[in-house]
Amino acid sequence: MRIDPDGRTVQGVTVLILFAVLNVLYLLTCLPVVTIGAATSSLLEVTARYADHERGDLVRGYVAALRRNAARGTAVFLALTVPLLMLAFAGAFWFSMTGVATAVAGILSIAGVAYLLAALVYGLALVGTHTAALGQTLRNALLLPLAEPVRTGALLLIPAVGVSLLYVWPASMVLALTIGFSVGAYLCALVLRSTFARQAGGPAAERVSPHSGE
């Protein structure tokens, strides 16, 4: 029996293996914690390129992007994660108390967390897919949730579904450790692709092309 290397089954298995390797590589490069921003921006970059007619090499492209995005990815991550964590702490504090006013304050804090989380995803995606100064990248990231509320909701739904799945089915941790992050990034890339296309003349005007050929 001969196996056709160009057959759909073989290609599907190959892509699955590449996504698994990319997933493990991403988790390993996140271990220093401070590299999470650079790693995530690079993951979003290569999955966005793959979502665009399956262009680029997932694994080698990720390694190259990791070096390229190190400084800006880390800066965006720190700039948005610090206030996000402060709001999360404030929300936990307000919810630990009783009363209508504290409940409202807690709800507002959690809403702020969700907004900054969306801005963080946008910011890290912009690092990998757009050329702009750090200040402009942060400005765009903070504007996009307001400009695209529906797509932002879809963007937040992807990790929310993943976390919920882990909660109701702990065995799904195996999927998370093998392909969960890379496939989740690919799904996010599909949403981000349409978002950036709609905003091509707006806050995300500086559409990249320098990385598209890798």
N, C-alpha and C. Protein backbone atom coordinates (compact mmCIF):
# COMPACT_ATOMS: atom_id res chain seq x y z
N MET A 1 0.84 -1.19 0.00
CA MET A 1 0.00 0.00 0.00
C MET A 1 0.88 1.24 0.00
N ARG A 2 0.60 2.17 -0.89
CA ARG A 2 1.36 3.41 -0.96
C ARG A 2 0.58 4.53 -0.28
N ILE A 3 1.33 5.37 0.43
CA ILE A 3 0.72 6.51 1.11
C ILE A 3 1.02 7.77 0.31
N ASP A 4 -0.01 8.44 -0.07
CA ASP A 4 0.16 9.67 -0.85
C ASP A 4 0.50 10.83 0.10
N PRO A 5 1.73 11.37 0.01
CA PRO A 5 2.09 12.46 0.92
C PRO A 5 1.28 13.72 0.70
N ASP A 6 0.63 13.80 -0.47
CA ASP A 6 -0.19 14.97 -0.76
C ASP A 6 -1.66 14.74 -0.44
N GLY A 7 -1.98 13.55 0.10
CA GLY A 7 -3.36 13.24 0.43
C GLY A 7 -3.87 14.08 1.60
N ARG A 8 -5.18 14.24 1.67
CA ARG A 8 -5.76 15.08 2.73
C ARG A 8 -5.51 14.51 4.11
N THR A 9 -5.56 13.19 4.24
CA THR A 9 -5.34 12.58 5.56
C THR A 9 -3.93 12.85 6.05
N VAL A 10 -2.95 12.63 5.18
CA VAL A 10 -1.55 12.87 5.56
C VAL A 10 -1.33 14.35 5.87
N GLN A 11 -1.88 15.21 5.05
CA GLN A 11 -1.72 16.65 5.30
C GLN A 11 -2.38 17.05 6.62
N GLY A 12 -3.55 16.47 6.89
CA GLY A 12 -4.23 16.77 8.15
C GLY A 12 -3.42 16.33 9.35
N VAL A 13 -2.85 15.13 9.29
CA VAL A 13 -2.02 14.64 10.39
C VAL A 13 -0.77 15.51 10.55
N THR A 14 -0.18 15.92 9.44
CA THR A 14 1.01 16.76 9.48
C THR A 14 0.71 18.10 10.15
N VAL A 15 -0.41 18.70 9.78
CA VAL A 15 -0.80 19.98 10.38
C VAL A 15 -1.06 19.81 11.88
N LEU A 16 -1.71 18.71 12.26
CA LEU A 16 -1.98 18.45 13.67
C LEU A 16 -0.69 18.32 14.46
N ILE A 17 0.29 17.63 13.87
CA ILE A 17 1.59 17.47 14.54
C ILE A 17 2.28 18.83 14.68
N LEU A 18 2.22 19.64 13.63
CA LEU A 18 2.84 20.97 13.69
C LEU A 18 2.19 21.84 14.76
N PHE A 19 0.87 21.76 14.87
CA PHE A 19 0.19 22.54 15.90
C PHE A 19 0.55 22.03 17.30
N ALA A 20 0.73 20.72 17.43
CA ALA A 20 1.14 20.15 18.73
C ALA A 20 2.55 20.61 19.10
N VAL A 21 3.47 20.56 18.14
CA VAL A 21 4.84 21.02 18.39
C VAL A 21 4.84 22.51 18.74
N LEU A 22 4.05 23.28 18.00
CA LEU A 22 3.95 24.72 18.27
C LEU A 22 3.39 24.96 19.67
N ASN A 23 2.41 24.18 20.07
CA ASN A 23 1.79 24.32 21.39
C ASN A 23 2.81 24.08 22.50
N VAL A 24 3.57 22.98 22.38
CA VAL A 24 4.59 22.66 23.40
C VAL A 24 5.67 23.72 23.41
N LEU A 25 6.08 24.18 22.23
CA LEU A 25 7.12 25.20 22.15
C LEU A 25 6.65 26.50 22.79
N TYR A 26 5.38 26.84 22.57
CA TYR A 26 4.82 28.03 23.18
C TYR A 26 4.83 27.93 24.71
N LEU A 27 4.39 26.80 25.23
CA LEU A 27 4.36 26.62 26.69
C LEU A 27 5.76 26.70 27.29
N LEU A 28 6.73 26.10 26.61
CA LEU A 28 8.11 26.13 27.11
C LEU A 28 8.65 27.56 27.12
N THR A 29 8.35 28.32 26.09
CA THR A 29 8.87 29.69 26.03
C THR A 29 8.10 30.64 26.95
N CYS A 30 6.97 30.19 27.50
CA CYS A 30 6.24 30.99 28.48
C CYS A 30 6.74 30.76 29.91
N LEU A 31 7.53 29.71 30.11
CA LEU A 31 7.93 29.32 31.46
C LEU A 31 8.66 30.43 32.24
N PRO A 32 9.51 31.23 31.59
CA PRO A 32 10.14 32.31 32.38
C PRO A 32 9.16 33.38 32.84
N VAL A 33 7.89 33.29 32.44
CA VAL A 33 6.80 34.21 32.79
C VAL A 33 6.98 35.58 32.11
N VAL A 34 8.14 36.18 32.27
CA VAL A 34 8.37 37.50 31.68
C VAL A 34 8.33 37.42 30.15
N THR A 35 8.46 36.22 29.60
CA THR A 35 8.45 36.06 28.14
C THR A 35 7.05 35.77 27.59
N ILE A 36 6.04 35.77 28.44
CA ILE A 36 4.69 35.43 27.99
C ILE A 36 4.23 36.38 26.89
N GLY A 37 4.52 37.67 27.04
CA GLY A 37 4.09 38.63 26.04
C GLY A 37 4.71 38.37 24.68
N ALA A 38 6.03 38.17 24.65
CA ALA A 38 6.72 37.89 23.38
C ALA A 38 6.24 36.57 22.79
N ALA A 39 6.06 35.56 23.64
CA ALA A 39 5.62 34.25 23.16
C ALA A 39 4.21 34.32 22.58
N THR A 40 3.32 35.02 23.25
CA THR A 40 1.94 35.09 22.78
C THR A 40 1.82 35.91 21.50
N SER A 41 2.55 37.02 21.42
CA SER A 41 2.52 37.81 20.19
C SER A 41 3.06 37.00 19.02
N SER A 42 4.07 36.19 19.27
CA SER A 42 4.64 35.35 18.22
C SER A 42 3.69 34.23 17.82
N LEU A 43 3.00 33.66 18.80
CA LEU A 43 2.01 32.62 18.50
C LEU A 43 0.87 33.18 17.66
N LEU A 44 0.40 34.37 18.02
CA LEU A 44 -0.67 35.01 17.25
C LEU A 44 -0.19 35.39 15.86
N GLU A 45 1.08 35.75 15.74
CA GLU A 45 1.62 36.11 14.42
C GLU A 45 1.62 34.93 13.47
N VAL A 46 2.16 33.80 13.92
CA VAL A 46 2.27 32.66 13.00
C VAL A 46 0.92 32.03 12.71
N THR A 47 0.01 32.03 13.69
CA THR A 47 -1.32 31.48 13.44
C THR A 47 -2.14 32.41 12.55
N ALA A 48 -1.91 33.72 12.68
CA ALA A 48 -2.59 34.67 11.79
C ALA A 48 -2.12 34.48 10.36
N ARG A 49 -0.82 34.25 10.19
CA ARG A 49 -0.29 34.03 8.86
C ARG A 49 -0.81 32.71 8.29
N TYR A 50 -0.94 31.70 9.13
CA TYR A 50 -1.46 30.41 8.67
C TYR A 50 -2.94 30.53 8.32
N ALA A 51 -3.67 31.34 9.08
CA ALA A 51 -5.08 31.54 8.79
C ALA A 51 -5.28 32.26 7.46
N ASP A 52 -4.25 32.98 7.03
CA ASP A 52 -4.30 33.70 5.76
C ASP A 52 -3.79 32.79 4.64
N HIS A 53 -4.63 31.86 4.22
CA HIS A 53 -4.33 30.92 3.13
C HIS A 53 -3.14 29.99 3.47
N GLU A 54 -3.01 29.64 4.75
CA GLU A 54 -2.02 28.65 5.19
C GLU A 54 -0.60 29.01 4.73
N ARG A 55 -0.24 30.25 4.95
CA ARG A 55 1.09 30.72 4.55
C ARG A 55 2.06 30.62 5.73
N GLY A 56 3.32 30.37 5.43
CA GLY A 56 4.37 30.39 6.44
C GLY A 56 4.57 29.06 7.14
N ASP A 57 5.69 28.94 7.79
CA ASP A 57 6.05 27.75 8.56
C ASP A 57 5.73 28.01 10.02
N LEU A 58 4.90 27.18 10.61
CA LEU A 58 4.43 27.42 11.97
C LEU A 58 5.56 27.42 12.99
N VAL A 59 6.40 26.38 12.96
CA VAL A 59 7.42 26.22 14.00
C VAL A 59 8.60 27.16 13.77
N ARG A 60 9.20 27.12 12.59
CA ARG A 60 10.33 27.99 12.32
C ARG A 60 9.91 29.46 12.34
N GLY A 61 8.71 29.73 11.86
CA GLY A 61 8.20 31.10 11.91
C GLY A 61 8.04 31.59 13.33
N TYR A 62 7.62 30.68 14.22
CA TYR A 62 7.45 31.06 15.63
C TYR A 62 8.79 31.43 16.26
N VAL A 63 9.81 30.65 16.01
CA VAL A 63 11.14 30.92 16.58
C VAL A 63 11.66 32.26 16.09
N ALA A 64 11.49 32.53 14.79
CA ALA A 64 11.94 33.80 14.23
C ALA A 64 11.15 34.97 14.83
N ALA A 65 9.84 34.79 14.96
CA ALA A 65 8.99 35.84 15.50
C ALA A 65 9.31 36.11 16.97
N LEU A 66 9.69 35.08 17.69
CA LEU A 66 9.99 35.23 19.12
C LEU A 66 11.15 36.20 19.32
N ARG A 67 12.17 36.09 18.49
CA ARG A 67 13.30 37.02 18.58
C ARG A 67 12.87 38.43 18.18
N ARG A 68 12.06 38.51 17.16
CA ARG A 68 11.66 39.81 16.62
C ARG A 68 10.71 40.55 17.57
N ASN A 69 9.85 39.82 18.25
CA ASN A 69 8.81 40.44 19.08
C ASN A 69 9.19 40.57 20.55
N ALA A 70 10.39 40.18 20.90
CA ALA A 70 10.77 40.12 22.32
C ALA A 70 10.54 41.43 23.05
N ALA A 71 11.09 42.52 22.53
CA ALA A 71 11.02 43.79 23.25
C ALA A 71 9.61 44.37 23.27
N ARG A 72 8.99 44.50 22.10
CA ARG A 72 7.66 45.11 22.04
C ARG A 72 6.61 44.23 22.69
N GLY A 73 6.71 42.92 22.51
CA GLY A 73 5.74 42.02 23.12
C GLY A 73 5.78 42.09 24.64
N THR A 74 6.99 42.13 25.19
CA THR A 74 7.14 42.22 26.64
C THR A 74 6.62 43.55 27.16
N ALA A 75 6.92 44.64 26.44
CA ALA A 75 6.48 45.96 26.87
C ALA A 75 4.96 46.07 26.87
N VAL A 76 4.30 45.58 25.82
CA VAL A 76 2.84 45.62 25.75
C VAL A 76 2.24 44.74 26.85
N PHE A 77 2.82 43.58 27.06
CA PHE A 77 2.32 42.66 28.08
C PHE A 77 2.36 43.32 29.46
N LEU A 78 3.48 43.93 29.80
CA LEU A 78 3.61 44.56 31.12
C LEU A 78 2.69 45.77 31.25
N ALA A 79 2.61 46.58 30.19
CA ALA A 79 1.81 47.80 30.24
C ALA A 79 0.33 47.53 30.47
N LEU A 80 -0.17 46.41 29.96
CA LEU A 80 -1.60 46.11 30.09
C LEU A 80 -1.90 45.09 31.19
N THR A 81 -0.94 44.22 31.49
CA THR A 81 -1.19 43.20 32.51
C THR A 81 -1.17 43.77 33.92
N VAL A 82 -0.30 44.74 34.17
CA VAL A 82 -0.21 45.32 35.52
C VAL A 82 -1.54 45.95 35.93
N PRO A 83 -2.14 46.86 35.14
CA PRO A 83 -3.46 47.39 35.55
C PRO A 83 -4.55 46.33 35.56
N LEU A 84 -4.44 45.33 34.68
CA LEU A 84 -5.42 44.24 34.66
C LEU A 84 -5.41 43.49 35.99
N LEU A 85 -4.22 43.17 36.48
CA LEU A 85 -4.11 42.46 37.76
C LEU A 85 -4.58 43.33 38.92
N MET A 86 -4.32 44.63 38.83
CA MET A 86 -4.78 45.54 39.89
C MET A 86 -6.30 45.58 39.94
N LEU A 87 -6.94 45.61 38.77
CA LEU A 87 -8.41 45.60 38.73
C LEU A 87 -8.97 44.27 39.21
N ALA A 88 -8.29 43.17 38.87
CA ALA A 88 -8.74 41.86 39.33
C ALA A 88 -8.67 41.78 40.85
N PHE A 89 -7.59 42.31 41.42
CA PHE A 89 -7.46 42.33 42.89
C PHE A 89 -8.55 43.20 43.50
N ALA A 90 -8.82 44.35 42.88
CA ALA A 90 -9.87 45.24 43.38
C ALA A 90 -11.22 44.56 43.31
N GLY A 91 -11.48 43.84 42.22
CA GLY A 91 -12.75 43.14 42.09
C GLY A 91 -12.93 42.08 43.17
N ALA A 92 -11.86 41.32 43.43
CA ALA A 92 -11.93 40.30 44.49
C ALA A 92 -12.16 40.95 45.84
N PHE A 93 -11.53 42.11 46.05
CA PHE A 93 -11.70 42.82 47.32
C PHE A 93 -13.14 43.29 47.50
N TRP A 94 -13.71 43.91 46.46
CA TRP A 94 -15.07 44.42 46.58
C TRP A 94 -16.09 43.31 46.74
N PHE A 95 -15.89 42.21 46.05
CA PHE A 95 -16.83 41.09 46.16
C PHE A 95 -16.73 40.37 47.50
N SER A 96 -15.63 40.57 48.20
CA SER A 96 -15.49 39.94 49.52
C SER A 96 -16.31 40.68 50.58
N MET A 97 -16.83 41.84 50.22
CA MET A 97 -17.62 42.63 51.14
C MET A 97 -19.09 42.55 50.75
N THR A 98 -19.95 42.95 51.65
CA THR A 98 -21.39 42.92 51.39
C THR A 98 -21.90 44.34 51.17
N GLY A 99 -22.95 44.44 50.39
CA GLY A 99 -23.53 45.74 50.13
C GLY A 99 -23.70 45.97 48.64
N VAL A 100 -24.66 46.82 48.30
CA VAL A 100 -24.94 47.11 46.90
C VAL A 100 -23.79 47.88 46.27
N ALA A 101 -23.27 48.87 46.98
CA ALA A 101 -22.20 49.70 46.42
C ALA A 101 -20.95 48.88 46.12
N THR A 102 -20.59 47.98 47.04
CA THR A 102 -19.40 47.16 46.82
C THR A 102 -19.63 46.16 45.69
N ALA A 103 -20.88 45.68 45.55
CA ALA A 103 -21.19 44.75 44.45
C ALA A 103 -21.05 45.47 43.11
N VAL A 104 -21.54 46.71 43.05
CA VAL A 104 -21.41 47.50 41.82
C VAL A 104 -19.95 47.75 41.52
N ALA A 105 -19.18 48.10 42.54
CA ALA A 105 -17.75 48.34 42.35
C ALA A 105 -17.05 47.07 41.86
N GLY A 106 -17.46 45.92 42.39
CA GLY A 106 -16.87 44.66 41.96
C GLY A 106 -17.20 44.35 40.51
N ILE A 107 -18.44 44.60 40.13
CA ILE A 107 -18.86 44.35 38.75
C ILE A 107 -18.09 45.26 37.78
N LEU A 108 -17.93 46.53 38.16
CA LEU A 108 -17.18 47.47 37.32
C LEU A 108 -15.72 47.04 37.20
N SER A 109 -15.17 46.54 38.29
CA SER A 109 -13.77 46.08 38.25
C SER A 109 -13.61 44.89 37.31
N ILE A 110 -14.53 43.94 37.38
CA ILE A 110 -14.46 42.77 36.51
C ILE A 110 -14.68 43.17 35.05
N ALA A 111 -15.56 44.14 34.82
CA ALA A 111 -15.76 44.64 33.46
C ALA A 111 -14.46 45.26 32.94
N GLY A 112 -13.77 45.97 33.83
CA GLY A 112 -12.48 46.55 33.45
C GLY A 112 -11.45 45.47 33.15
N VAL A 113 -11.48 44.38 33.90
CA VAL A 113 -10.58 43.26 33.64
C VAL A 113 -10.83 42.68 32.26
N ALA A 114 -12.11 42.47 31.92
CA ALA A 114 -12.47 41.92 30.62
C ALA A 114 -12.02 42.85 29.50
N TYR A 115 -12.20 44.15 29.70
CA TYR A 115 -11.80 45.13 28.68
C TYR A 115 -10.29 45.10 28.48
N LEU A 116 -9.54 45.10 29.57
CA LEU A 116 -8.08 45.09 29.46
C LEU A 116 -7.56 43.76 28.92
N LEU A 117 -8.27 42.67 29.21
CA LEU A 117 -7.87 41.38 28.66
C LEU A 117 -8.02 41.39 27.13
N ALA A 118 -9.13 41.96 26.65
CA ALA A 118 -9.32 42.08 25.21
C ALA A 118 -8.26 42.99 24.61
N ALA A 119 -7.98 44.10 25.28
CA ALA A 119 -6.95 45.02 24.80
C ALA A 119 -5.58 44.35 24.77
N LEU A 120 -5.33 43.48 25.75
CA LEU A 120 -4.06 42.76 25.79
C LEU A 120 -3.92 41.83 24.59
N VAL A 121 -4.98 41.10 24.29
CA VAL A 121 -4.95 40.20 23.12
C VAL A 121 -4.73 41.00 21.85
N TYR A 122 -5.47 42.11 21.72
CA TYR A 122 -5.29 42.96 20.55
C TYR A 122 -3.87 43.50 20.48
N GLY A 123 -3.36 43.96 21.62
CA GLY A 123 -2.02 44.54 21.65
C GLY A 123 -0.95 43.55 21.24
N LEU A 124 -1.03 42.33 21.76
CA LEU A 124 -0.03 41.31 21.42
C LEU A 124 -0.17 40.88 19.96
N ALA A 125 -1.41 40.84 19.47
CA ALA A 125 -1.60 40.52 18.05
C ALA A 125 -1.04 41.62 17.17
N LEU A 126 -1.22 42.87 17.57
CA LEU A 126 -0.69 44.00 16.81
C LEU A 126 0.83 43.99 16.77
N VAL A 127 1.45 43.56 17.86
CA VAL A 127 2.91 43.46 17.88
C VAL A 127 3.39 42.52 16.79
N GLY A 128 2.72 41.39 16.64
CA GLY A 128 3.15 40.40 15.67
C GLY A 128 2.73 40.67 14.25
N THR A 129 1.67 41.46 14.06
CA THR A 129 1.12 41.60 12.71
C THR A 129 1.14 43.02 12.16
N HIS A 130 1.55 43.99 12.95
CA HIS A 130 1.56 45.37 12.50
C HIS A 130 2.88 46.05 12.85
N THR A 131 3.22 47.03 12.07
CA THR A 131 4.40 47.83 12.37
C THR A 131 3.93 49.18 12.90
N ALA A 132 4.22 49.48 14.12
CA ALA A 132 3.84 50.75 14.73
C ALA A 132 4.70 50.95 15.97
N ALA A 133 4.83 52.19 16.38
CA ALA A 133 5.55 52.49 17.61
C ALA A 133 4.79 51.91 18.80
N LEU A 134 5.49 51.74 19.91
CA LEU A 134 4.88 51.14 21.10
C LEU A 134 3.66 51.93 21.56
N GLY A 135 3.77 53.24 21.61
CA GLY A 135 2.64 54.06 22.05
C GLY A 135 1.43 53.91 21.15
N GLN A 136 1.66 53.89 19.83
CA GLN A 136 0.55 53.72 18.89
C GLN A 136 -0.07 52.34 19.02
N THR A 137 0.77 51.33 19.25
CA THR A 137 0.26 49.96 19.42
C THR A 137 -0.66 49.88 20.63
N LEU A 138 -0.26 50.49 21.74
CA LEU A 138 -1.08 50.48 22.95
C LEU A 138 -2.38 51.26 22.73
N ARG A 139 -2.28 52.38 22.03
CA ARG A 139 -3.48 53.17 21.75
C ARG A 139 -4.45 52.36 20.90
N ASN A 140 -3.96 51.73 19.86
CA ASN A 140 -4.81 50.91 19.00
C ASN A 140 -5.46 49.77 19.79
N ALA A 141 -4.66 49.14 20.66
CA ALA A 141 -5.16 48.01 21.44
C ALA A 141 -6.30 48.44 22.36
N LEU A 142 -6.20 49.63 22.92
CA LEU A 142 -7.23 50.11 23.83
C LEU A 142 -8.46 50.62 23.09
N LEU A 143 -8.30 51.02 21.82
CA LEU A 143 -9.43 51.50 21.04
C LEU A 143 -10.24 50.38 20.40
N LEU A 144 -9.57 49.30 20.04
CA LEU A 144 -10.24 48.24 19.29
C LEU A 144 -11.43 47.60 20.01
N PRO A 145 -11.38 47.37 21.33
CA PRO A 145 -12.58 46.80 21.98
C PRO A 145 -13.80 47.71 21.84
N LEU A 146 -13.59 49.02 21.79
CA LEU A 146 -14.70 49.95 21.60
C LEU A 146 -15.16 49.95 20.15
N ALA A 147 -14.20 49.86 19.23
CA ALA A 147 -14.54 49.91 17.80
C ALA A 147 -15.19 48.63 17.32
N GLU A 148 -14.85 47.50 17.95
CA GLU A 148 -15.35 46.19 17.50
C GLU A 148 -15.91 45.39 18.68
N PRO A 149 -17.02 45.82 19.26
CA PRO A 149 -17.54 45.12 20.45
C PRO A 149 -17.98 43.69 20.18
N VAL A 150 -18.59 43.44 19.02
CA VAL A 150 -19.08 42.08 18.72
C VAL A 150 -17.90 41.12 18.55
N ARG A 151 -16.93 41.52 17.74
CA ARG A 151 -15.75 40.66 17.53
C ARG A 151 -14.92 40.53 18.79
N THR A 152 -14.92 41.58 19.61
CA THR A 152 -14.22 41.49 20.89
C THR A 152 -14.88 40.46 21.79
N GLY A 153 -16.20 40.43 21.78
CA GLY A 153 -16.93 39.40 22.54
C GLY A 153 -16.57 38.01 22.07
N ALA A 154 -16.48 37.83 20.74
CA ALA A 154 -16.09 36.53 20.20
C ALA A 154 -14.67 36.18 20.59
N LEU A 155 -13.81 37.19 20.61
CA LEU A 155 -12.41 36.98 20.98
C LEU A 155 -12.28 36.52 22.43
N LEU A 156 -13.07 37.11 23.32
CA LEU A 156 -13.03 36.72 24.73
C LEU A 156 -13.73 35.38 24.97
N LEU A 157 -14.67 35.04 24.09
CA LEU A 157 -15.40 33.79 24.26
C LEU A 157 -14.49 32.58 24.08
N ILE A 158 -13.49 32.69 23.22
CA ILE A 158 -12.60 31.56 22.94
C ILE A 158 -11.86 31.10 24.20
N PRO A 159 -11.12 31.98 24.91
CA PRO A 159 -10.48 31.51 26.15
C PRO A 159 -11.49 31.16 27.24
N ALA A 160 -12.64 31.84 27.24
CA ALA A 160 -13.66 31.54 28.25
C ALA A 160 -14.18 30.11 28.09
N VAL A 161 -14.39 29.69 26.85
CA VAL A 161 -14.83 28.32 26.59
C VAL A 161 -13.76 27.33 27.02
N GLY A 162 -12.49 27.67 26.75
CA GLY A 162 -11.39 26.79 27.14
C GLY A 162 -11.30 26.61 28.64
N VAL A 163 -11.42 27.72 29.38
CA VAL A 163 -11.37 27.65 30.84
C VAL A 163 -12.57 26.88 31.38
N SER A 164 -13.74 27.12 30.82
CA SER A 164 -14.95 26.41 31.26
C SER A 164 -14.82 24.92 31.01
N LEU A 165 -14.24 24.55 29.87
CA LEU A 165 -14.04 23.14 29.55
C LEU A 165 -13.12 22.47 30.56
N LEU A 166 -12.07 23.18 30.95
CA LEU A 166 -11.16 22.64 31.96
C LEU A 166 -11.87 22.46 33.30
N TYR A 167 -12.80 23.36 33.59
CA TYR A 167 -13.51 23.29 34.88
C TYR A 167 -14.47 22.11 34.92
N VAL A 168 -15.23 21.91 33.85
CA VAL A 168 -16.24 20.84 33.86
C VAL A 168 -15.66 19.49 33.45
N TRP A 169 -14.52 19.50 32.76
CA TRP A 169 -13.90 18.27 32.30
C TRP A 169 -12.38 18.37 32.49
N PRO A 170 -11.90 18.10 33.70
CA PRO A 170 -10.47 18.25 34.00
C PRO A 170 -9.55 17.47 33.07
N ALA A 171 -10.05 16.37 32.51
CA ALA A 171 -9.22 15.58 31.60
C ALA A 171 -8.85 16.34 30.34
N SER A 172 -9.57 17.43 30.07
CA SER A 172 -9.27 18.23 28.88
C SER A 172 -7.93 18.96 29.02
N MET A 173 -7.32 18.89 30.20
CA MET A 173 -6.00 19.47 30.40
C MET A 173 -5.00 18.86 29.40
N VAL A 174 -5.20 17.58 29.07
CA VAL A 174 -4.33 16.92 28.09
C VAL A 174 -4.41 17.64 26.75
N LEU A 175 -5.62 18.00 26.34
CA LEU A 175 -5.78 18.74 25.09
C LEU A 175 -5.13 20.11 25.17
N ALA A 176 -5.28 20.77 26.33
CA ALA A 176 -4.68 22.10 26.49
C ALA A 176 -3.18 22.04 26.37
N LEU A 177 -2.57 20.99 26.91
CA LEU A 177 -1.11 20.87 26.90
C LEU A 177 -0.57 20.40 25.55
N THR A 178 -1.43 19.86 24.72
CA THR A 178 -0.95 19.35 23.43
C THR A 178 -1.29 20.28 22.27
N ILE A 179 -2.56 20.67 22.14
CA ILE A 179 -2.92 21.53 21.01
C ILE A 179 -3.82 22.71 21.42
N GLY A 180 -4.18 22.79 22.68
CA GLY A 180 -5.17 23.77 23.11
C GLY A 180 -4.79 25.21 22.82
N PHE A 181 -3.57 25.60 23.17
CA PHE A 181 -3.17 26.99 23.02
C PHE A 181 -2.96 27.36 21.55
N SER A 182 -2.34 26.47 20.80
CA SER A 182 -2.09 26.77 19.39
C SER A 182 -3.38 26.82 18.58
N VAL A 183 -4.29 25.88 18.83
CA VAL A 183 -5.58 25.89 18.13
C VAL A 183 -6.42 27.09 18.59
N GLY A 184 -6.38 27.39 19.88
CA GLY A 184 -7.09 28.57 20.38
C GLY A 184 -6.57 29.84 19.75
N ALA A 185 -5.24 29.94 19.58
CA ALA A 185 -4.65 31.10 18.93
C ALA A 185 -5.08 31.20 17.48
N TYR A 186 -5.20 30.04 16.82
CA TYR A 186 -5.66 30.02 15.43
C TYR A 186 -7.09 30.54 15.33
N LEU A 187 -7.96 30.12 16.25
CA LEU A 187 -9.34 30.60 16.26
C LEU A 187 -9.37 32.11 16.52
N CYS A 188 -8.53 32.57 17.46
CA CYS A 188 -8.42 34.01 17.72
C CYS A 188 -7.94 34.74 16.47
N ALA A 189 -7.00 34.12 15.75
CA ALA A 189 -6.45 34.74 14.55
C ALA A 189 -7.53 34.96 13.49
N LEU A 190 -8.48 34.04 13.41
CA LEU A 190 -9.57 34.21 12.45
C LEU A 190 -10.41 35.44 12.80
N VAL A 191 -10.67 35.62 14.10
CA VAL A 191 -11.43 36.79 14.54
C VAL A 191 -10.61 38.06 14.33
N LEU A 192 -9.33 38.00 14.69
CA LEU A 192 -8.46 39.17 14.56
C LEU A 192 -8.30 39.57 13.10
N ARG A 193 -8.23 38.59 12.24
CA ARG A 193 -8.06 38.88 10.81
C ARG A 193 -9.21 39.72 10.28
N SER A 194 -10.44 39.33 10.61
CA SER A 194 -11.59 40.10 10.14
C SER A 194 -11.66 41.46 10.83
N THR A 195 -11.25 41.51 12.09
CA THR A 195 -11.25 42.78 12.83
C THR A 195 -10.29 43.77 12.20
N PHE A 196 -9.06 43.34 11.95
CA PHE A 196 -8.06 44.23 11.38
C PHE A 196 -8.43 44.65 9.96
N ALA A 197 -9.08 43.74 9.24
CA ALA A 197 -9.50 44.08 7.87
C ALA A 197 -10.55 45.18 7.89
N ARG A 198 -11.48 45.10 8.84
CA ARG A 198 -12.52 46.13 8.96
C ARG A 198 -11.94 47.46 9.39
N GLN A 199 -10.89 47.41 10.19
CA GLN A 199 -10.30 48.63 10.74
C GLN A 199 -9.08 49.09 9.94
N ALA A 200 -8.94 48.62 8.72
CA ALA A 200 -7.75 48.92 7.92
C ALA A 200 -7.55 50.42 7.72
N GLY A 201 -8.62 51.19 7.75
CA GLY A 201 -8.47 52.63 7.61
C GLY A 201 -8.68 53.36 8.92
N GLY A 202 -8.80 52.57 10.02
CA GLY A 202 -9.06 53.18 11.32
C GLY A 202 -7.90 53.01 12.25
N PRO A 203 -8.14 52.61 13.52
CA PRO A 203 -7.07 52.53 14.50
C PRO A 203 -6.02 51.50 14.19
N ALA A 204 -6.31 50.54 13.33
CA ALA A 204 -5.31 49.54 12.99
C ALA A 204 -4.79 49.75 11.57
N ALA A 205 -4.60 50.98 11.21
CA ALA A 205 -4.27 51.30 9.83
C ALA A 205 -2.90 50.82 9.40
N GLU A 206 -1.98 50.73 10.35
CA GLU A 206 -0.62 50.37 9.95
C GLU A 206 -0.49 48.88 9.78
N ARG A 207 -1.14 48.37 8.75
CA ARG A 207 -1.13 46.92 8.50
C ARG A 207 0.25 46.48 8.09
N VAL A 208 0.65 45.39 8.64
CA VAL A 208 2.00 44.92 8.36
C VAL A 208 2.10 44.24 7.02
N SER A 209 3.28 44.24 6.55
CA SER A 209 3.60 43.24 5.58
C SER A 209 4.99 42.73 5.72
N PRO A 210 5.88 43.30 6.54
CA PRO A 210 7.25 42.82 6.54
C PRO A 210 7.41 41.39 6.97
N HIS A 211 6.50 40.88 7.82
CA HIS A 211 6.66 39.51 8.33
C HIS A 211 5.95 38.47 7.47
N SER A 212 5.17 38.89 6.51
CA SER A 212 4.27 37.97 5.82
C SER A 212 4.99 36.95 4.95
N GLY A 213 6.20 37.19 4.61
CA GLY A 213 6.88 36.25 3.72
C GLY A 213 7.67 35.20 4.41
N GLU A 214 7.66 35.17 5.77
CA GLU A 214 8.50 34.21 6.47
C GLU A 214 7.81 32.89 6.54
